[in-house]
Amino acid sequence: MLTSADFHAELAERYGWINRAVPDAELDEFVAGLAARMGNFPRDGLIAAKAAVNSVSLPTPAVVRADAALFQQLVRGEAAQQRTAELFKRGFQTRGPTELDLGAALGDLPAVD
């Protein structure tokens, strides 16, 4: 997260960030099979499983609000403003290299004090 670098699925899998990388050619079949399998489980069981995961991993509304406030504070800062202006000069929010490879574009920006 701190590098703003993009990582392809195979590398993310090796790093342990994801537990499986499915090749693009197999993705539709994989998702269809997974959906069919989940569709065979009792609805109440699926609801309970989702609630259990959410109870230990979903942030509270207060945490979400605090995170949003911190983001707004940081994005208004001089350094963020300078970096954003430079990104726009390089084609930010326009289909092209900057937008399509934003991680690399962020890494190429000059340091700001």
PDB file of N, CA and C in Angstrom:
ATOM      1  N   MET A   1       0.823  -1.178   0.000  1.00  0.00           N
ATOM      2  CA  MET A   1       0.000   0.000   0.000  1.00  0.00           C
ATOM      3  C   MET A   1       0.876   1.253   0.000  1.00  0.00           C
ATOM      4  N   LEU A   2       1.946   1.244   0.749  1.00  0.00           N
ATOM      5  CA  LEU A   2       2.773   2.443   0.851  1.00  0.00           C
ATOM      6  C   LEU A   2       3.567   2.733  -0.410  1.00  0.00           C
ATOM      7  N   THR A   3       3.756   1.749  -1.281  1.00  0.00           N
ATOM      8  CA  THR A   3       4.525   1.976  -2.502  1.00  0.00           C
ATOM      9  C   THR A   3       3.676   2.482  -3.646  1.00  0.00           C
ATOM     10  N   SER A   4       2.380   2.292  -3.590  1.00  0.00           N
ATOM     11  CA  SER A   4       1.415   2.581  -4.652  1.00  0.00           C
ATOM     12  C   SER A   4       1.746   1.826  -5.928  1.00  0.00           C
ATOM     13  N   ALA A   5       2.489   0.745  -5.806  1.00  0.00           N
ATOM     14  CA  ALA A   5       2.835  -0.071  -6.970  1.00  0.00           C
ATOM     15  C   ALA A   5       1.704  -1.051  -7.267  1.00  0.00           C
ATOM     16  N   ASP A   6       1.545  -1.368  -8.544  1.00  0.00           N
ATOM     17  CA  ASP A   6       0.571  -2.370  -8.950  1.00  0.00           C
ATOM     18  C   ASP A   6       1.260  -3.733  -8.989  1.00  0.00           C
ATOM     19  N   PHE A   7       0.549  -4.773  -8.609  1.00  0.00           N
ATOM     20  CA  PHE A   7       1.083  -6.127  -8.615  1.00  0.00           C
ATOM     21  C   PHE A   7       0.126  -7.029  -9.382  1.00  0.00           C
ATOM     22  N   HIS A   8       0.652  -7.847 -10.286  1.00  0.00           N
ATOM     23  CA  HIS A   8      -0.216  -8.767 -11.016  1.00  0.00           C
ATOM     24  C   HIS A   8      -0.613  -9.919 -10.084  1.00  0.00           C
ATOM     25  N   ALA A   9      -1.633 -10.636 -10.468  1.00  0.00           N
ATOM     26  CA  ALA A   9      -2.228 -11.653  -9.601  1.00  0.00           C
ATOM     27  C   ALA A   9      -1.238 -12.733  -9.187  1.00  0.00           C
ATOM     28  N   GLU A  10      -0.378 -13.165 -10.107  1.00  0.00           N
ATOM     29  CA  GLU A  10       0.561 -14.235  -9.767  1.00  0.00           C
ATOM     30  C   GLU A  10       1.522 -13.796  -8.661  1.00  0.00           C
ATOM     31  N   LEU A  11       1.987 -12.559  -8.712  1.00  0.00           N
ATOM     32  CA  LEU A  11       2.886 -12.055  -7.679  1.00  0.00           C
ATOM     33  C   LEU A  11       2.130 -11.869  -6.357  1.00  0.00           C
ATOM     34  N   ALA A  12       0.908 -11.364  -6.437  1.00  0.00           N
ATOM     35  CA  ALA A  12       0.097 -11.218  -5.229  1.00  0.00           C
ATOM     36  C   ALA A  12      -0.132 -12.572  -4.565  1.00  0.00           C
ATOM     37  N   GLU A  13      -0.311 -13.594  -5.371  1.00  0.00           N
ATOM     38  CA  GLU A  13      -0.487 -14.943  -4.827  1.00  0.00           C
ATOM     39  C   GLU A  13       0.791 -15.406  -4.130  1.00  0.00           C
ATOM     40  N   ARG A  14       1.939 -15.168  -4.761  1.00  0.00           N
ATOM     41  CA  ARG A  14       3.217 -15.566  -4.144  1.00  0.00           C
ATOM     42  C   ARG A  14       3.459 -14.824  -2.836  1.00  0.00           C
ATOM     43  N   TYR A  15       3.042 -13.569  -2.770  1.00  0.00           N
ATOM     44  CA  TYR A  15       3.212 -12.777  -1.550  1.00  0.00           C
ATOM     45  C   TYR A  15       2.210 -13.175  -0.462  1.00  0.00           C
ATOM     46  N   GLY A  16       1.206 -13.968  -0.819  1.00  0.00           N
ATOM     47  CA  GLY A  16       0.195 -14.370   0.149  1.00  0.00           C
ATOM     48  C   GLY A  16      -0.928 -13.355   0.316  1.00  0.00           C
ATOM     49  N   TRP A  17      -1.021 -12.380  -0.594  1.00  0.00           N
ATOM     50  CA  TRP A  17      -2.075 -11.378  -0.505  1.00  0.00           C
ATOM     51  C   TRP A  17      -3.407 -11.933  -0.972  1.00  0.00           C
ATOM     52  N   ILE A  18      -3.359 -12.906  -1.858  1.00  0.00           N
ATOM     53  CA  ILE A  18      -4.555 -13.610  -2.316  1.00  0.00           C
ATOM     54  C   ILE A  18      -4.246 -15.097  -2.226  1.00  0.00           C
ATOM     55  N   ASN A  19      -5.257 -15.921  -2.147  1.00  0.00           N
ATOM     56  CA  ASN A  19      -4.998 -17.353  -2.005  1.00  0.00           C
ATOM     57  C   ASN A  19      -5.048 -18.110  -3.323  1.00  0.00           C
ATOM     58  N   ARG A  20      -5.445 -17.435  -4.396  1.00  0.00           N
ATOM     59  CA  ARG A  20      -5.481 -18.106  -5.685  1.00  0.00           C
ATOM     60  C   ARG A  20      -5.530 -17.089  -6.814  1.00  0.00           C
ATOM     61  N   ALA A  21      -4.738 -17.325  -7.840  1.00  0.00           N
ATOM     62  CA  ALA A  21      -4.800 -16.522  -9.058  1.00  0.00           C
ATOM     63  C   ALA A  21      -5.316 -17.428 -10.161  1.00  0.00           C
ATOM     64  N   VAL A  22      -6.434 -17.047 -10.759  1.00  0.00           N
ATOM     65  CA  VAL A  22      -7.058 -17.855 -11.809  1.00  0.00           C
ATOM     66  C   VAL A  22      -6.734 -17.221 -13.158  1.00  0.00           C
ATOM     67  N   PRO A  23      -6.163 -18.009 -14.076  1.00  0.00           N
ATOM     68  CA  PRO A  23      -5.877 -17.458 -15.410  1.00  0.00           C
ATOM     69  C   PRO A  23      -7.142 -16.929 -16.068  1.00  0.00           C
ATOM     70  N   ASP A  24      -7.019 -15.853 -16.831  1.00  0.00           N
ATOM     71  CA  ASP A  24      -8.159 -15.199 -17.465  1.00  0.00           C
ATOM     72  C   ASP A  24      -9.001 -16.175 -18.272  1.00  0.00           C
ATOM     73  N   ALA A  25      -8.347 -17.078 -18.988  1.00  0.00           N
ATOM     74  CA  ALA A  25      -9.069 -18.031 -19.847  1.00  0.00           C
ATOM     75  C   ALA A  25      -9.946 -18.983 -19.031  1.00  0.00           C
ATOM     76  N   GLU A  26      -9.650 -19.153 -17.742  1.00  0.00           N
ATOM     77  CA  GLU A  26     -10.408 -20.071 -16.884  1.00  0.00           C
ATOM     78  C   GLU A  26     -11.368 -19.354 -15.944  1.00  0.00           C
ATOM     79  N   LEU A  27     -11.341 -18.026 -15.933  1.00  0.00           N
ATOM     80  CA  LEU A  27     -12.074 -17.264 -14.931  1.00  0.00           C
ATOM     81  C   LEU A  27     -13.583 -17.451 -15.021  1.00  0.00           C
ATOM     82  N   ASP A  28     -14.170 -17.355 -16.214  1.00  0.00           N
ATOM     83  CA  ASP A  28     -15.628 -17.485 -16.334  1.00  0.00           C
ATOM     84  C   ASP A  28     -16.111 -18.838 -15.823  1.00  0.00           C
ATOM     85  N   GLU A  29     -15.427 -19.899 -16.219  1.00  0.00           N
ATOM     86  CA  GLU A  29     -15.816 -21.246 -15.775  1.00  0.00           C
ATOM     87  C   GLU A  29     -15.648 -21.379 -14.259  1.00  0.00           C
ATOM     88  N   PHE A  30     -14.573 -20.827 -13.721  1.00  0.00           N
ATOM     89  CA  PHE A  30     -14.321 -20.892 -12.284  1.00  0.00           C
ATOM     90  C   PHE A  30     -15.433 -20.190 -11.506  1.00  0.00           C
ATOM     91  N   VAL A  31     -15.786 -18.963 -11.942  1.00  0.00           N
ATOM     92  CA  VAL A  31     -16.818 -18.193 -11.250  1.00  0.00           C
ATOM     93  C   VAL A  31     -18.167 -18.895 -11.355  1.00  0.00           C
ATOM     94  N   ALA A  32     -18.490 -19.418 -12.519  1.00  0.00           N
ATOM     95  CA  ALA A  32     -19.770 -20.127 -12.683  1.00  0.00           C
ATOM     96  C   ALA A  32     -19.836 -21.347 -11.766  1.00  0.00           C
ATOM     97  N   GLY A  33     -18.747 -22.086 -11.676  1.00  0.00           N
ATOM     98  CA  GLY A  33     -18.713 -23.257 -10.797  1.00  0.00           C
ATOM     99  C   GLY A  33     -18.828 -22.877  -9.328  1.00  0.00           C
ATOM    100  N   LEU A  34     -18.139 -21.808  -8.950  1.00  0.00           N
ATOM    101  CA  LEU A  34     -18.192 -21.337  -7.571  1.00  0.00           C
ATOM    102  C   LEU A  34     -19.604 -20.865  -7.211  1.00  0.00           C
ATOM    103  N   ALA A  35     -20.232 -20.120  -8.124  1.00  0.00           N
ATOM    104  CA  ALA A  35     -21.596 -19.637  -7.880  1.00  0.00           C
ATOM    105  C   ALA A  35     -22.567 -20.805  -7.775  1.00  0.00           C
ATOM    106  N   ALA A  36     -22.411 -21.798  -8.634  1.00  0.00           N
ATOM    107  CA  ALA A  36     -23.294 -22.969  -8.578  1.00  0.00           C
ATOM    108  C   ALA A  36     -23.119 -23.713  -7.259  1.00  0.00           C
ATOM    109  N   ARG A  37     -21.868 -23.867  -6.815  1.00  0.00           N
ATOM    110  CA  ARG A  37     -21.604 -24.562  -5.544  1.00  0.00           C
ATOM    111  C   ARG A  37     -22.243 -23.799  -4.388  1.00  0.00           C
ATOM    112  N   MET A  38     -22.027 -22.482  -4.354  1.00  0.00           N
ATOM    113  CA  MET A  38     -22.599 -21.692  -3.265  1.00  0.00           C
ATOM    114  C   MET A  38     -24.126 -21.705  -3.321  1.00  0.00           C
ATOM    115  N   GLY A  39     -24.676 -21.730  -4.527  1.00  0.00           N
ATOM    116  CA  GLY A  39     -26.126 -21.763  -4.685  1.00  0.00           C
ATOM    117  C   GLY A  39     -26.763 -23.026  -4.146  1.00  0.00           C
ATOM    118  N   ASN A  40     -25.965 -24.085  -3.966  1.00  0.00           N
ATOM    119  CA  ASN A  40     -26.481 -25.343  -3.433  1.00  0.00           C
ATOM    120  C   ASN A  40     -26.512 -25.391  -1.909  1.00  0.00           C
ATOM    121  N   PHE A  41     -25.867 -24.422  -1.257  1.00  0.00           N
ATOM    122  CA  PHE A  41     -25.861 -24.415   0.201  1.00  0.00           C
ATOM    123  C   PHE A  41     -27.152 -23.785   0.717  1.00  0.00           C
ATOM    124  N   PRO A  42     -27.565 -24.148   1.932  1.00  0.00           N
ATOM    125  CA  PRO A  42     -28.772 -23.531   2.504  1.00  0.00           C
ATOM    126  C   PRO A  42     -28.586 -22.015   2.651  1.00  0.00           C
ATOM    127  N   ARG A  43     -29.630 -21.278   2.309  1.00  0.00           N
ATOM    128  CA  ARG A  43     -29.580 -19.813   2.361  1.00  0.00           C
ATOM    129  C   ARG A  43     -29.203 -19.316   3.755  1.00  0.00           C
ATOM    130  N   ASP A  44     -29.794 -19.903   4.790  1.00  0.00           N
ATOM    131  CA  ASP A  44     -29.499 -19.472   6.162  1.00  0.00           C
ATOM    132  C   ASP A  44     -28.022 -19.663   6.501  1.00  0.00           C
ATOM    133  N   GLY A  45     -27.427 -20.736   5.989  1.00  0.00           N
ATOM    134  CA  GLY A  45     -26.004 -20.976   6.231  1.00  0.00           C
ATOM    135  C   GLY A  45     -25.131 -19.917   5.581  1.00  0.00           C
ATOM    136  N   LEU A  46     -25.486 -19.520   4.354  1.00  0.00           N
ATOM    137  CA  LEU A  46     -24.733 -18.475   3.657  1.00  0.00           C
ATOM    138  C   LEU A  46     -24.854 -17.137   4.382  1.00  0.00           C
ATOM    139  N   ILE A  47     -26.057 -16.823   4.843  1.00  0.00           N
ATOM    140  CA  ILE A  47     -26.284 -15.568   5.570  1.00  0.00           C
ATOM    141  C   ILE A  47     -25.474 -15.566   6.869  1.00  0.00           C
ATOM    142  N   ALA A  48     -25.469 -16.690   7.576  1.00  0.00           N
ATOM    143  CA  ALA A  48     -24.721 -16.773   8.831  1.00  0.00           C
ATOM    144  C   ALA A  48     -23.222 -16.666   8.592  1.00  0.00           C
ATOM    145  N   ALA A  49     -22.735 -17.293   7.533  1.00  0.00           N
ATOM    146  CA  ALA A  49     -21.299 -17.229   7.229  1.00  0.00           C
ATOM    147  C   ALA A  49     -20.889 -15.793   6.893  1.00  0.00           C
ATOM    148  N   LYS A  50     -21.699 -15.109   6.091  1.00  0.00           N
ATOM    149  CA  LYS A  50     -21.392 -13.721   5.737  1.00  0.00           C
ATOM    150  C   LYS A  50     -21.416 -12.839   6.980  1.00  0.00           C
ATOM    151  N   ALA A  51     -22.387 -13.032   7.849  1.00  0.00           N
ATOM    152  CA  ALA A  51     -22.477 -12.243   9.076  1.00  0.00           C
ATOM    153  C   ALA A  51     -21.261 -12.488   9.973  1.00  0.00           C
ATOM    154  N   ALA A  52     -20.804 -13.741  10.044  1.00  0.00           N
ATOM    155  CA  ALA A  52     -19.639 -14.067  10.876  1.00  0.00           C
ATOM    156  C   ALA A  52     -18.377 -13.387  10.342  1.00  0.00           C
ATOM    157  N   VAL A  53     -18.191 -13.421   9.036  1.00  0.00           N
ATOM    158  CA  VAL A  53     -17.021 -12.767   8.435  1.00  0.00           C
ATOM    159  C   VAL A  53     -17.106 -11.261   8.658  1.00  0.00           C
ATOM    160  N   ASN A  54     -18.261 -10.678   8.414  1.00  0.00           N
ATOM    161  CA  ASN A  54     -18.432  -9.241   8.598  1.00  0.00           C
ATOM    162  C   ASN A  54     -18.194  -8.823  10.047  1.00  0.00           C
ATOM    163  N   SER A  55     -18.579  -9.655  11.003  1.00  0.00           N
ATOM    164  CA  SER A  55     -18.445  -9.278  12.405  1.00  0.00           C
ATOM    165  C   SER A  55     -16.989  -9.137  12.829  1.00  0.00           C
ATOM    166  N   VAL A  56     -16.078  -9.815  12.159  1.00  0.00           N
ATOM    167  CA  VAL A  56     -14.657  -9.716  12.525  1.00  0.00           C
ATOM    168  C   VAL A  56     -13.840  -8.907  11.530  1.00  0.00           C
ATOM    169  N   SER A  57     -14.430  -8.535  10.386  1.00  0.00           N
ATOM    170  CA  SER A  57     -13.618  -7.852   9.383  1.00  0.00           C
ATOM    171  C   SER A  57     -14.198  -6.541   8.873  1.00  0.00           C
ATOM    172  N   LEU A  58     -15.442  -6.263   9.135  1.00  0.00           N
ATOM    173  CA  LEU A  58     -16.077  -5.053   8.615  1.00  0.00           C
ATOM    174  C   LEU A  58     -15.896  -3.916   9.617  1.00  0.00           C
ATOM    175  N   PRO A  59     -15.336  -2.795   9.176  1.00  0.00           N
ATOM    176  CA  PRO A  59     -15.148  -1.684  10.118  1.00  0.00           C
ATOM    177  C   PRO A  59     -16.481  -1.078  10.537  1.00  0.00           C
ATOM    178  N   THR A  60     -16.475  -0.477  11.703  1.00  0.00           N
ATOM    179  CA  THR A  60     -17.681   0.201  12.189  1.00  0.00           C
ATOM    180  C   THR A  60     -17.884   1.499  11.396  1.00  0.00           C
ATOM    181  N   PRO A  61     -19.097   2.029  11.399  1.00  0.00           N
ATOM    182  CA  PRO A  61     -19.319   3.312  10.731  1.00  0.00           C
ATOM    183  C   PRO A  61     -18.390   4.414  11.256  1.00  0.00           C
ATOM    184  N   ALA A  62     -18.098   4.407  12.551  1.00  0.00           N
ATOM    185  CA  ALA A  62     -17.204   5.431  13.108  1.00  0.00           C
ATOM    186  C   ALA A  62     -15.801   5.319  12.520  1.00  0.00           C
ATOM    187  N   VAL A  63     -15.324   4.111  12.326  1.00  0.00           N
ATOM    188  CA  VAL A  63     -13.996   3.907  11.738  1.00  0.00           C
ATOM    189  C   VAL A  63     -13.994   4.365  10.278  1.00  0.00           C
ATOM    190  N   VAL A  64     -15.036   4.064   9.544  1.00  0.00           N
ATOM    191  CA  VAL A  64     -15.135   4.495   8.146  1.00  0.00           C
ATOM    192  C   VAL A  64     -15.145   6.021   8.068  1.00  0.00           C
ATOM    193  N   ARG A  65     -15.924   6.666   8.945  1.00  0.00           N
ATOM    194  CA  ARG A  65     -15.968   8.136   8.960  1.00  0.00           C
ATOM    195  C   ARG A  65     -14.604   8.730   9.317  1.00  0.00           C
ATOM    196  N   ALA A  66     -13.919   8.157  10.287  1.00  0.00           N
ATOM    197  CA  ALA A  66     -12.594   8.663  10.676  1.00  0.00           C
ATOM    198  C   ALA A  66     -11.605   8.514   9.531  1.00  0.00           C
ATOM    199  N   ASP A  67     -11.666   7.395   8.831  1.00  0.00           N
ATOM    200  CA  ASP A  67     -10.778   7.176   7.687  1.00  0.00           C
ATOM    201  C   ASP A  67     -11.073   8.179   6.576  1.00  0.00           C
ATOM    202  N   ALA A  68     -12.348   8.426   6.309  1.00  0.00           N
ATOM    203  CA  ALA A  68     -12.731   9.390   5.279  1.00  0.00           C
ATOM    204  C   ALA A  68     -12.271  10.795   5.659  1.00  0.00           C
ATOM    205  N   ALA A  69     -12.390  11.157   6.925  1.00  0.00           N
ATOM    206  CA  ALA A  69     -11.952  12.480   7.375  1.00  0.00           C
ATOM    207  C   ALA A  69     -10.443  12.635   7.217  1.00  0.00           C
ATOM    208  N   LEU A  70      -9.696  11.585   7.552  1.00  0.00           N
ATOM    209  CA  LEU A  70      -8.245  11.638   7.392  1.00  0.00           C
ATOM    210  C   LEU A  70      -7.869  11.769   5.920  1.00  0.00           C
ATOM    211  N   PHE A  71      -8.540  11.013   5.056  1.00  0.00           N
ATOM    212  CA  PHE A  71      -8.281  11.121   3.621  1.00  0.00           C
ATOM    213  C   PHE A  71      -8.528  12.543   3.131  1.00  0.00           C
ATOM    214  N   GLN A  72      -9.662  13.130   3.525  1.00  0.00           N
ATOM    215  CA  GLN A  72      -9.992  14.490   3.100  1.00  0.00           C
ATOM    216  C   GLN A  72      -8.945  15.489   3.585  1.00  0.00           C
ATOM    217  N   GLN A  73      -8.476  15.310   4.808  1.00  0.00           N
ATOM    218  CA  GLN A  73      -7.433  16.191   5.347  1.00  0.00           C
ATOM    219  C   GLN A  73      -6.149  16.064   4.530  1.00  0.00           C
ATOM    220  N   LEU A  74      -5.743  14.833   4.251  1.00  0.00           N
ATOM    221  CA  LEU A  74      -4.493  14.616   3.528  1.00  0.00           C
ATOM    222  C   LEU A  74      -4.570  15.090   2.082  1.00  0.00           C
ATOM    223  N   VAL A  75      -5.689  14.876   1.431  1.00  0.00           N
ATOM    224  CA  VAL A  75      -5.813  15.241   0.023  1.00  0.00           C
ATOM    225  C   VAL A  75      -5.840  16.763  -0.166  1.00  0.00           C
ATOM    226  N   ARG A  76      -6.207  17.493   0.885  1.00  0.00           N
ATOM    227  CA  ARG A  76      -6.181  18.954   0.820  1.00  0.00           C
ATOM    228  C   ARG A  76      -4.789  19.527   1.069  1.00  0.00           C
ATOM    229  N   GLY A  77      -3.858  18.703   1.512  1.00  0.00           N
ATOM    230  CA  GLY A  77      -2.515  19.173   1.825  1.00  0.00           C
ATOM    231  C   GLY A  77      -1.741  19.608   0.590  1.00  0.00           C
ATOM    232  N   GLU A  78      -0.747  20.451   0.811  1.00  0.00           N
ATOM    233  CA  GLU A  78       0.046  21.012  -0.284  1.00  0.00           C
ATOM    234  C   GLU A  78       0.728  19.923  -1.112  1.00  0.00           C
ATOM    235  N   ALA A  79       1.316  18.929  -0.448  1.00  0.00           N
ATOM    236  CA  ALA A  79       2.028  17.873  -1.177  1.00  0.00           C
ATOM    237  C   ALA A  79       1.085  17.106  -2.098  1.00  0.00           C
ATOM    238  N   ALA A  80      -0.080  16.752  -1.587  1.00  0.00           N
ATOM    239  CA  ALA A  80      -1.053  16.027  -2.412  1.00  0.00           C
ATOM    240  C   ALA A  80      -1.536  16.889  -3.567  1.00  0.00           C
ATOM    241  N   GLN A  81      -1.739  18.167  -3.316  1.00  0.00           N
ATOM    242  CA  GLN A  81      -2.183  19.076  -4.372  1.00  0.00           C
ATOM    243  C   GLN A  81      -1.135  19.177  -5.480  1.00  0.00           C
ATOM    244  N   GLN A  82       0.143  19.281  -5.099  1.00  0.00           N
ATOM    245  CA  GLN A  82       1.216  19.364  -6.092  1.00  0.00           C
ATOM    246  C   GLN A  82       1.302  18.077  -6.910  1.00  0.00           C
ATOM    247  N   ARG A  83       1.210  16.946  -6.233  1.00  0.00           N
ATOM    248  CA  ARG A  83       1.314  15.659  -6.935  1.00  0.00           C
ATOM    249  C   ARG A  83       0.124  15.450  -7.872  1.00  0.00           C
ATOM    250  N   THR A  84      -1.050  15.845  -7.419  1.00  0.00           N
ATOM    251  CA  THR A  84      -2.244  15.704  -8.260  1.00  0.00           C
ATOM    252  C   THR A  84      -2.136  16.602  -9.487  1.00  0.00           C
ATOM    253  N   ALA A  85      -1.663  17.825  -9.297  1.00  0.00           N
ATOM    254  CA  ALA A  85      -1.487  18.741 -10.438  1.00  0.00           C
ATOM    255  C   ALA A  85      -0.513  18.145 -11.449  1.00  0.00           C
ATOM    256  N   GLU A  86       0.558  17.554 -10.961  1.00  0.00           N
ATOM    257  CA  GLU A  86       1.530  16.923 -11.867  1.00  0.00           C
ATOM    258  C   GLU A  86       0.903  15.744 -12.605  1.00  0.00           C
ATOM    259  N   LEU A  87       0.087  14.960 -11.925  1.00  0.00           N
ATOM    260  CA  LEU A  87      -0.598  13.848 -12.587  1.00  0.00           C
ATOM    261  C   LEU A  87      -1.504  14.350 -13.706  1.00  0.00           C
ATOM    262  N   PHE A  88      -2.223  15.445 -13.459  1.00  0.00           N
ATOM    263  CA  PHE A  88      -3.084  16.004 -14.500  1.00  0.00           C
ATOM    264  C   PHE A  88      -2.265  16.469 -15.696  1.00  0.00           C
ATOM    265  N   LYS A  89      -1.096  17.048 -15.457  1.00  0.00           N
ATOM    266  CA  LYS A  89      -0.215  17.448 -16.563  1.00  0.00           C
ATOM    267  C   LYS A  89       0.196  16.240 -17.394  1.00  0.00           C
ATOM    268  N   ARG A  90       0.274  15.086 -16.749  1.00  0.00           N
ATOM    269  CA  ARG A  90       0.708  13.850 -17.422  1.00  0.00           C
ATOM    270  C   ARG A  90      -0.452  13.052 -18.006  1.00  0.00           C
ATOM    271  N   GLY A  91      -1.672  13.577 -17.897  1.00  0.00           N
ATOM    272  CA  GLY A  91      -2.810  12.903 -18.517  1.00  0.00           C
ATOM    273  C   GLY A  91      -3.731  12.173 -17.578  1.00  0.00           C
ATOM    274  N   PHE A  92      -3.682  12.486 -16.300  1.00  0.00           N
ATOM    275  CA  PHE A  92      -4.570  11.859 -15.321  1.00  0.00           C
ATOM    276  C   PHE A  92      -6.023  12.093 -15.710  1.00  0.00           C
ATOM    277  N   GLN A  93      -6.863  11.107 -15.545  1.00  0.00           N
ATOM    278  CA  GLN A  93      -8.278  11.094 -15.884  1.00  0.00           C
ATOM    279  C   GLN A  93      -8.530  11.247 -17.386  1.00  0.00           C
ATOM    280  N   THR A  94      -7.552  10.853 -18.174  1.00  0.00           N
ATOM    281  CA  THR A  94      -7.670  10.771 -19.619  1.00  0.00           C
ATOM    282  C   THR A  94      -7.128   9.411 -20.021  1.00  0.00           C
ATOM    283  N   ARG A  95      -7.838   8.695 -20.858  1.00  0.00           N
ATOM    284  CA  ARG A  95      -7.376   7.359 -21.238  1.00  0.00           C
ATOM    285  C   ARG A  95      -5.992   7.475 -21.875  1.00  0.00           C
ATOM    286  N   GLY A  96      -5.049   6.831 -21.276  1.00  0.00           N
ATOM    287  CA  GLY A  96      -3.677   6.874 -21.750  1.00  0.00           C
ATOM    288  C   GLY A  96      -2.751   6.239 -20.732  1.00  0.00           C
ATOM    289  N   PRO A  97      -1.446   6.363 -20.927  1.00  0.00           N
ATOM    290  CA  PRO A  97      -0.470   5.682 -20.077  1.00  0.00           C
ATOM    291  C   PRO A  97      -0.594   6.014 -18.585  1.00  0.00           C
ATOM    292  N   THR A  98      -0.819   7.286 -18.259  1.00  0.00           N
ATOM    293  CA  THR A  98      -0.905   7.657 -16.841  1.00  0.00           C
ATOM    294  C   THR A  98      -2.089   6.979 -16.185  1.00  0.00           C
ATOM    295  N   GLU A  99      -3.221   7.019 -16.838  1.00  0.00           N
ATOM    296  CA  GLU A  99      -4.435   6.436 -16.263  1.00  0.00           C
ATOM    297  C   GLU A  99      -4.365   4.910 -16.247  1.00  0.00           C
ATOM    298  N   LEU A 100      -3.815   4.322 -17.290  1.00  0.00           N
ATOM    299  CA  LEU A 100      -3.792   2.864 -17.396  1.00  0.00           C
ATOM    300  C   LEU A 100      -2.705   2.218 -16.544  1.00  0.00           C
ATOM    301  N   ASP A 101      -1.706   2.987 -16.145  1.00  0.00           N
ATOM    302  CA  ASP A 101      -0.634   2.460 -15.296  1.00  0.00           C
ATOM    303  C   ASP A 101      -0.357   3.457 -14.183  1.00  0.00           C
ATOM    304  N   LEU A 102      -1.398   3.749 -13.397  1.00  0.00           N
ATOM    305  CA  LEU A 102      -1.321   4.779 -12.377  1.00  0.00           C
ATOM    306  C   LEU A 102      -0.257   4.468 -11.330  1.00  0.00           C
ATOM    307  N   GLY A 103      -0.105   3.202 -10.985  1.00  0.00           N
ATOM    308  CA  GLY A 103       0.910   2.847  -9.996  1.00  0.00           C
ATOM    309  C   GLY A 103       2.294   3.283 -10.428  1.00  0.00           C
ATOM    310  N   ALA A 104       2.636   3.045 -11.687  1.00  0.00           N
ATOM    311  CA  ALA A 104       3.945   3.467 -12.208  1.00  0.00           C
ATOM    312  C   ALA A 104       4.031   4.988 -12.255  1.00  0.00           C
ATOM    313  N   ALA A 105       2.946   5.648 -12.658  1.00  0.00           N
ATOM    314  CA  ALA A 105       2.942   7.116 -12.728  1.00  0.00           C
ATOM    315  C   ALA A 105       3.174   7.724 -11.346  1.00  0.00           C
ATOM    316  N   LEU A 106       2.544   7.165 -10.329  1.00  0.00           N
ATOM    317  CA  LEU A 106       2.748   7.665  -8.968  1.00  0.00           C
ATOM    318  C   LEU A 106       4.201   7.490  -8.532  1.00  0.00           C
ATOM    319  N   GLY A 107       4.779   6.352  -8.879  1.00  0.00           N
ATOM    320  CA  GLY A 107       6.171   6.092  -8.520  1.00  0.00           C
ATOM    321  C   GLY A 107       7.152   6.998  -9.240  1.00  0.00           C
ATOM    322  N   ASP A 108       6.760   7.517 -10.397  1.00  0.00           N
ATOM    323  CA  ASP A 108       7.640   8.387 -11.194  1.00  0.00           C
ATOM    324  C   ASP A 108       7.545   9.868 -10.795  1.00  0.00           C
ATOM    325  N   LEU A 109       6.601  10.216  -9.935  1.00  0.00           N
ATOM    326  CA  LEU A 109       6.458  11.625  -9.551  1.00  0.00           C
ATOM    327  C   LEU A 109       7.654  12.073  -8.725  1.00  0.00           C
ATOM    328  N   PRO A 110       8.067  13.335  -8.896  1.00  0.00           N
ATOM    329  CA  PRO A 110       9.180  13.839  -8.082  1.00  0.00           C
ATOM    330  C   PRO A 110       8.767  13.964  -6.615  1.00  0.00           C
ATOM    331  N   ALA A 111       9.725  13.874  -5.734  1.00  0.00           N
ATOM    332  CA  ALA A 111       9.477  14.023  -4.305  1.00  0.00           C
ATOM    333  C   ALA A 111       8.998  15.434  -4.010  1.00  0.00           C
ATOM    334  N   VAL A 112       8.113  15.562  -3.033  1.00  0.00           N
ATOM    335  CA  VAL A 112       7.583  16.854  -2.619  1.00  0.00           C
ATOM    336  C   VAL A 112       7.832  16.989  -1.126  1.00  0.00           C
ATOM    337  N   ASP A 113       8.323  18.142  -0.726  1.00  0.00           N
ATOM    338  CA  ASP A 113       8.556  18.382   0.708  1.00  0.00           C
ATOM    339  C   ASP A 113       7.323  18.927   1.369  1.00  0.00           C
TER     340      ASP A 113
END
